[in-house]
């Protein structure tokens, strides 16, 4: 998918989510809706979901795709690296990432975007895996970051 087509699709999804997510006050319902919509609209999304920080652990939240790791080993893998560095990480080949946690061996690339509270503290991450190598780019990062920062969607 070329960059313009991808950007246009993300923009339409953001507009659709703004309308959908104002209908429920429940954060988990909003997260589940985001996962379902994105997973259904992008064929290179193999798995997508939220890992929430609960009592100092990253615990799986709403997701779409094959079974997920329930709790991620502290300070190991791409999700924890995103939390600890407080930034979005794009990994073109997860097998080259030191300490990668392989919840599903079919996953080959990944993007992880932190979800911050109003004080800037990471409270969760949005994690997307692909069977394709090098599936994610700056366009994915830009729009996923916009999605997670959107106050109308109120994920925290």
C-alpha atoms as a PDB file:
ATOM      1  CA  UNK A   1       0.000   0.000   0.000  1.00  0.00           C
ATOM      2  CA  UNK A   2       1.482   3.353  -0.977  1.00  0.00           C
ATOM      3  CA  UNK A   3       1.890   6.131   1.577  1.00  0.00           C
ATOM      4  CA  UNK A   4      -0.972   8.300   0.276  1.00  0.00           C
ATOM      5  CA  UNK A   5      -3.471   5.437   0.223  1.00  0.00           C
ATOM      6  CA  UNK A   6      -2.412   4.406   3.723  1.00  0.00           C
ATOM      7  CA  UNK A   7      -2.698   7.971   5.050  1.00  0.00           C
ATOM      8  CA  UNK A   8      -6.142   8.411   3.486  1.00  0.00           C
ATOM      9  CA  UNK A   9      -7.343   5.140   5.017  1.00  0.00           C
ATOM     10  CA  UNK A  10      -6.051   6.087   8.458  1.00  0.00           C
ATOM     11  CA  UNK A  11      -7.761   9.482   8.192  1.00  0.00           C
ATOM     12  CA  UNK A  12     -11.102   7.862   7.356  1.00  0.00           C
ATOM     13  CA  UNK A  13     -10.656   5.443  10.268  1.00  0.00           C
ATOM     14  CA  UNK A  14      -9.881   8.288  12.684  1.00  0.00           C
ATOM     15  CA  UNK A  15     -13.053  10.078  11.630  1.00  0.00           C
ATOM     16  CA  UNK A  16     -15.086   6.896  11.995  1.00  0.00           C
ATOM     17  CA  UNK A  17     -13.603   6.154  15.423  1.00  0.00           C
ATOM     18  CA  UNK A  18     -14.342   9.657  16.688  1.00  0.00           C
ATOM     19  CA  UNK A  19     -18.009   9.030  15.918  1.00  0.00           C
ATOM     20  CA  UNK A  20     -18.077   5.496  17.328  1.00  0.00           C
ATOM     21  CA  UNK A  21     -16.135   6.092  20.522  1.00  0.00           C
ATOM     22  CA  UNK A  22     -18.278   8.924  21.822  1.00  0.00           C
ATOM     23  CA  UNK A  23     -21.119   6.425  22.305  1.00  0.00           C
ATOM     24  CA  UNK A  24     -19.615   4.550  25.261  1.00  0.00           C
ATOM     25  CA  UNK A  25     -18.067   5.774  28.498  1.00  0.00           C
ATOM     26  CA  UNK A  26     -16.129   2.510  28.898  1.00  0.00           C
ATOM     27  CA  UNK A  27     -12.389   2.548  28.123  1.00  0.00           C
ATOM     28  CA  UNK A  28     -12.211  -1.212  27.465  1.00  0.00           C
ATOM     29  CA  UNK A  29     -15.070  -0.992  24.949  1.00  0.00           C
ATOM     30  CA  UNK A  30     -13.287   1.854  23.162  1.00  0.00           C
ATOM     31  CA  UNK A  31     -10.027  -0.116  23.044  1.00  0.00           C
ATOM     32  CA  UNK A  32     -11.835  -3.183  21.684  1.00  0.00           C
ATOM     33  CA  UNK A  33     -13.507  -1.088  18.969  1.00  0.00           C
ATOM     34  CA  UNK A  34     -10.170   0.408  17.909  1.00  0.00           C
ATOM     35  CA  UNK A  35      -8.612  -3.051  17.634  1.00  0.00           C
ATOM     36  CA  UNK A  36     -11.514  -4.508  15.675  1.00  0.00           C
ATOM     37  CA  UNK A  37     -11.659  -1.639  13.199  1.00  0.00           C
ATOM     38  CA  UNK A  38      -7.916  -1.379  12.546  1.00  0.00           C
ATOM     39  CA  UNK A  39      -7.440  -5.151  12.309  1.00  0.00           C
ATOM     40  CA  UNK A  40     -10.250  -5.358   9.767  1.00  0.00           C
ATOM     41  CA  UNK A  41      -9.080  -2.425   7.634  1.00  0.00           C
ATOM     42  CA  UNK A  42      -5.369  -3.210   7.199  1.00  0.00           C
ATOM     43  CA  UNK A  43      -4.459  -6.568   5.705  1.00  0.00           C
ATOM     44  CA  UNK A  44      -0.877  -6.349   7.012  1.00  0.00           C
ATOM     45  CA  UNK A  45      -2.126  -6.180  10.643  1.00  0.00           C
ATOM     46  CA  UNK A  46      -1.651  -9.775  11.850  1.00  0.00           C
ATOM     47  CA  UNK A  47      -2.271  -8.951  15.513  1.00  0.00           C
ATOM     48  CA  UNK A  48      -3.124  -5.687  17.234  1.00  0.00           C
ATOM     49  CA  UNK A  49      -4.011  -4.874  20.783  1.00  0.00           C
ATOM     50  CA  UNK A  50      -3.385  -3.033  23.973  1.00  0.00           C
ATOM     51  CA  UNK A  51      -1.112  -3.997  26.828  1.00  0.00           C
ATOM     52  CA  UNK A  52      -2.098  -2.085  29.955  1.00  0.00           C
ATOM     53  CA  UNK A  53       0.200  -1.297  32.853  1.00  0.00           C
ATOM     54  CA  UNK A  54      -1.433  -2.778  35.933  1.00  0.00           C
ATOM     55  CA  UNK A  55       0.528  -3.001  39.199  1.00  0.00           C
ATOM     56  CA  UNK A  56       3.808  -2.549  37.317  1.00  0.00           C
ATOM     57  CA  UNK A  57       3.080  -5.308  34.786  1.00  0.00           C
ATOM     58  CA  UNK A  58       2.129  -5.176  31.108  1.00  0.00           C
ATOM     59  CA  UNK A  59      -1.072  -7.196  30.905  1.00  0.00           C
ATOM     60  CA  UNK A  60      -2.932  -7.885  27.683  1.00  0.00           C
ATOM     61  CA  UNK A  61      -6.098  -5.906  27.122  1.00  0.00           C
ATOM     62  CA  UNK A  62      -8.472  -5.901  24.167  1.00  0.00           C
ATOM     63  CA  UNK A  63      -6.942  -7.324  20.993  1.00  0.00           C
ATOM     64  CA  UNK A  64      -7.646  -8.908  17.605  1.00  0.00           C
ATOM     65  CA  UNK A  65      -5.727 -11.831  16.142  1.00  0.00           C
ATOM     66  CA  UNK A  66      -4.226 -15.054  17.459  1.00  0.00           C
ATOM     67  CA  UNK A  67      -3.788 -15.726  21.161  1.00  0.00           C
ATOM     68  CA  UNK A  68      -1.571 -13.230  22.949  1.00  0.00           C
ATOM     69  CA  UNK A  69       0.928 -13.426  25.774  1.00  0.00           C
ATOM     70  CA  UNK A  70      -1.088 -12.590  28.867  1.00  0.00           C
ATOM     71  CA  UNK A  71       1.678 -10.868  30.870  1.00  0.00           C
ATOM     72  CA  UNK A  72       4.913  -9.602  29.291  1.00  0.00           C
ATOM     73  CA  UNK A  73       8.157 -10.249  31.139  1.00  0.00           C
ATOM     74  CA  UNK A  74       9.237  -7.028  32.877  1.00  0.00           C
ATOM     75  CA  UNK A  75      11.707  -4.912  30.897  1.00  0.00           C
ATOM     76  CA  UNK A  76      11.967  -7.456  28.071  1.00  0.00           C
ATOM     77  CA  UNK A  77      10.753  -7.125  24.489  1.00  0.00           C
ATOM     78  CA  UNK A  78       9.528  -4.331  22.256  1.00  0.00           C
ATOM     79  CA  UNK A  79       6.489  -3.320  24.327  1.00  0.00           C
ATOM     80  CA  UNK A  80       8.566  -2.784  27.458  1.00  0.00           C
ATOM     81  CA  UNK A  81      11.224  -0.971  25.409  1.00  0.00           C
ATOM     82  CA  UNK A  82       8.490   1.418  24.213  1.00  0.00           C
ATOM     83  CA  UNK A  83       7.342   1.991  27.794  1.00  0.00           C
ATOM     84  CA  UNK A  84      10.861   2.461  29.147  1.00  0.00           C
ATOM     85  CA  UNK A  85      11.919   4.794  26.312  1.00  0.00           C
ATOM     86  CA  UNK A  86       8.513   6.544  26.298  1.00  0.00           C
ATOM     87  CA  UNK A  87       8.396   6.534  22.515  1.00  0.00           C
ATOM     88  CA  UNK A  88       6.979   4.761  19.486  1.00  0.00           C
ATOM     89  CA  UNK A  89       9.139   1.926  18.210  1.00  0.00           C
ATOM     90  CA  UNK A  90       9.072   0.541  14.681  1.00  0.00           C
ATOM     91  CA  UNK A  91      10.875  -2.788  14.363  1.00  0.00           C
ATOM     92  CA  UNK A  92      11.314  -4.014  10.758  1.00  0.00           C
ATOM     93  CA  UNK A  93      12.507  -7.495  11.860  1.00  0.00           C
ATOM     94  CA  UNK A  94      11.506  -8.594  15.353  1.00  0.00           C
ATOM     95  CA  UNK A  95      13.918 -11.532  15.194  1.00  0.00           C
ATOM     96  CA  UNK A  96      16.791  -9.030  15.298  1.00  0.00           C
ATOM     97  CA  UNK A  97      15.455  -7.195  18.369  1.00  0.00           C
ATOM     98  CA  UNK A  98      17.350  -8.157  21.555  1.00  0.00           C
ATOM     99  CA  UNK A  99      15.006  -9.815  24.042  1.00  0.00           C
ATOM    100  CA  UNK A 100      12.059 -10.022  21.629  1.00  0.00           C
ATOM    101  CA  UNK A 101       9.106 -11.870  23.149  1.00  0.00           C
ATOM    102  CA  UNK A 102       7.639 -14.204  20.521  1.00  0.00           C
ATOM    103  CA  UNK A 103       3.961 -14.603  21.435  1.00  0.00           C
ATOM    104  CA  UNK A 104       3.443 -15.978  17.912  1.00  0.00           C
ATOM    105  CA  UNK A 105       6.379 -17.098  15.775  1.00  0.00           C
ATOM    106  CA  UNK A 106       4.592 -15.949  12.597  1.00  0.00           C
ATOM    107  CA  UNK A 107       5.099 -12.302  13.579  1.00  0.00           C
ATOM    108  CA  UNK A 108       8.001 -10.665  11.715  1.00  0.00           C
ATOM    109  CA  UNK A 109       7.674  -6.904  12.247  1.00  0.00           C
ATOM    110  CA  UNK A 110       6.051  -4.698  14.843  1.00  0.00           C
ATOM    111  CA  UNK A 111       5.109  -1.180  15.857  1.00  0.00           C
ATOM    112  CA  UNK A 112       4.434  -0.225  19.462  1.00  0.00           C
ATOM    113  CA  UNK A 113       2.929   3.138  20.420  1.00  0.00           C
ATOM    114  CA  UNK A 114       2.745   4.327  24.042  1.00  0.00           C
ATOM    115  CA  UNK A 115      -0.565   5.546  25.438  1.00  0.00           C
ATOM    116  CA  UNK A 116       0.118   8.368  27.897  1.00  0.00           C
ATOM    117  CA  UNK A 117      -2.081   9.949  30.529  1.00  0.00           C
ATOM    118  CA  UNK A 118      -2.533  13.727  30.714  1.00  0.00           C
ATOM    119  CA  UNK A 119       0.673  13.976  32.796  1.00  0.00           C
ATOM    120  CA  UNK A 120       2.692  12.234  30.071  1.00  0.00           C
ATOM    121  CA  UNK A 121       3.125   8.928  31.908  1.00  0.00           C
ATOM    122  CA  UNK A 122       2.795   5.739  29.863  1.00  0.00           C
ATOM    123  CA  UNK A 123      -0.270   3.772  31.045  1.00  0.00           C
ATOM    124  CA  UNK A 124      -0.521   1.289  28.162  1.00  0.00           C
ATOM    125  CA  UNK A 125       0.866   0.511  24.724  1.00  0.00           C
ATOM    126  CA  UNK A 126      -0.828  -0.212  21.432  1.00  0.00           C
ATOM    127  CA  UNK A 127       1.025  -3.074  19.780  1.00  0.00           C
ATOM    128  CA  UNK A 128       0.657  -4.150  16.146  1.00  0.00           C
ATOM    129  CA  UNK A 129       2.377  -7.186  14.623  1.00  0.00           C
ATOM    130  CA  UNK A 130       2.652  -8.186  10.980  1.00  0.00           C
ATOM    131  CA  UNK A 131       3.613 -11.428   9.248  1.00  0.00           C
ATOM    132  CA  UNK A 132       5.470  -9.219   6.747  1.00  0.00           C
ATOM    133  CA  UNK A 133       8.945  -7.901   7.366  1.00  0.00           C
ATOM    134  CA  UNK A 134       9.247  -4.094   7.383  1.00  0.00           C
ATOM    135  CA  UNK A 135       5.453  -3.654   7.366  1.00  0.00           C
ATOM    136  CA  UNK A 136       5.315  -0.421   9.383  1.00  0.00           C
ATOM    137  CA  UNK A 137       6.598   3.051   8.629  1.00  0.00           C
ATOM    138  CA  UNK A 138       6.351   6.667   9.740  1.00  0.00           C
ATOM    139  CA  UNK A 139       2.814   6.935   8.324  1.00  0.00           C
ATOM    140  CA  UNK A 140       1.627   4.175  10.664  1.00  0.00           C
ATOM    141  CA  UNK A 141       3.429   5.848  13.564  1.00  0.00           C
ATOM    142  CA  UNK A 142       1.992   9.291  12.797  1.00  0.00           C
ATOM    143  CA  UNK A 143      -1.627   8.161  12.612  1.00  0.00           C
ATOM    144  CA  UNK A 144      -1.481   5.687  15.494  1.00  0.00           C
ATOM    145  CA  UNK A 145       0.047   8.395  17.694  1.00  0.00           C
ATOM    146  CA  UNK A 146      -2.739  10.798  16.638  1.00  0.00           C
ATOM    147  CA  UNK A 147      -5.316   8.151  17.452  1.00  0.00           C
ATOM    148  CA  UNK A 148      -3.943   7.549  20.939  1.00  0.00           C
ATOM    149  CA  UNK A 149      -3.634  11.287  21.679  1.00  0.00           C
ATOM    150  CA  UNK A 150      -7.149  12.096  20.511  1.00  0.00           C
ATOM    151  CA  UNK A 151      -9.057  13.446  23.521  1.00  0.00           C
ATOM    152  CA  UNK A 152     -12.413  12.722  21.897  1.00  0.00           C
ATOM    153  CA  UNK A 153     -11.604   9.015  22.133  1.00  0.00           C
ATOM    154  CA  UNK A 154     -10.657   9.187  25.827  1.00  0.00           C
ATOM    155  CA  UNK A 155      -8.726   5.956  26.223  1.00  0.00           C
ATOM    156  CA  UNK A 156      -7.656   6.683  29.794  1.00  0.00           C
END
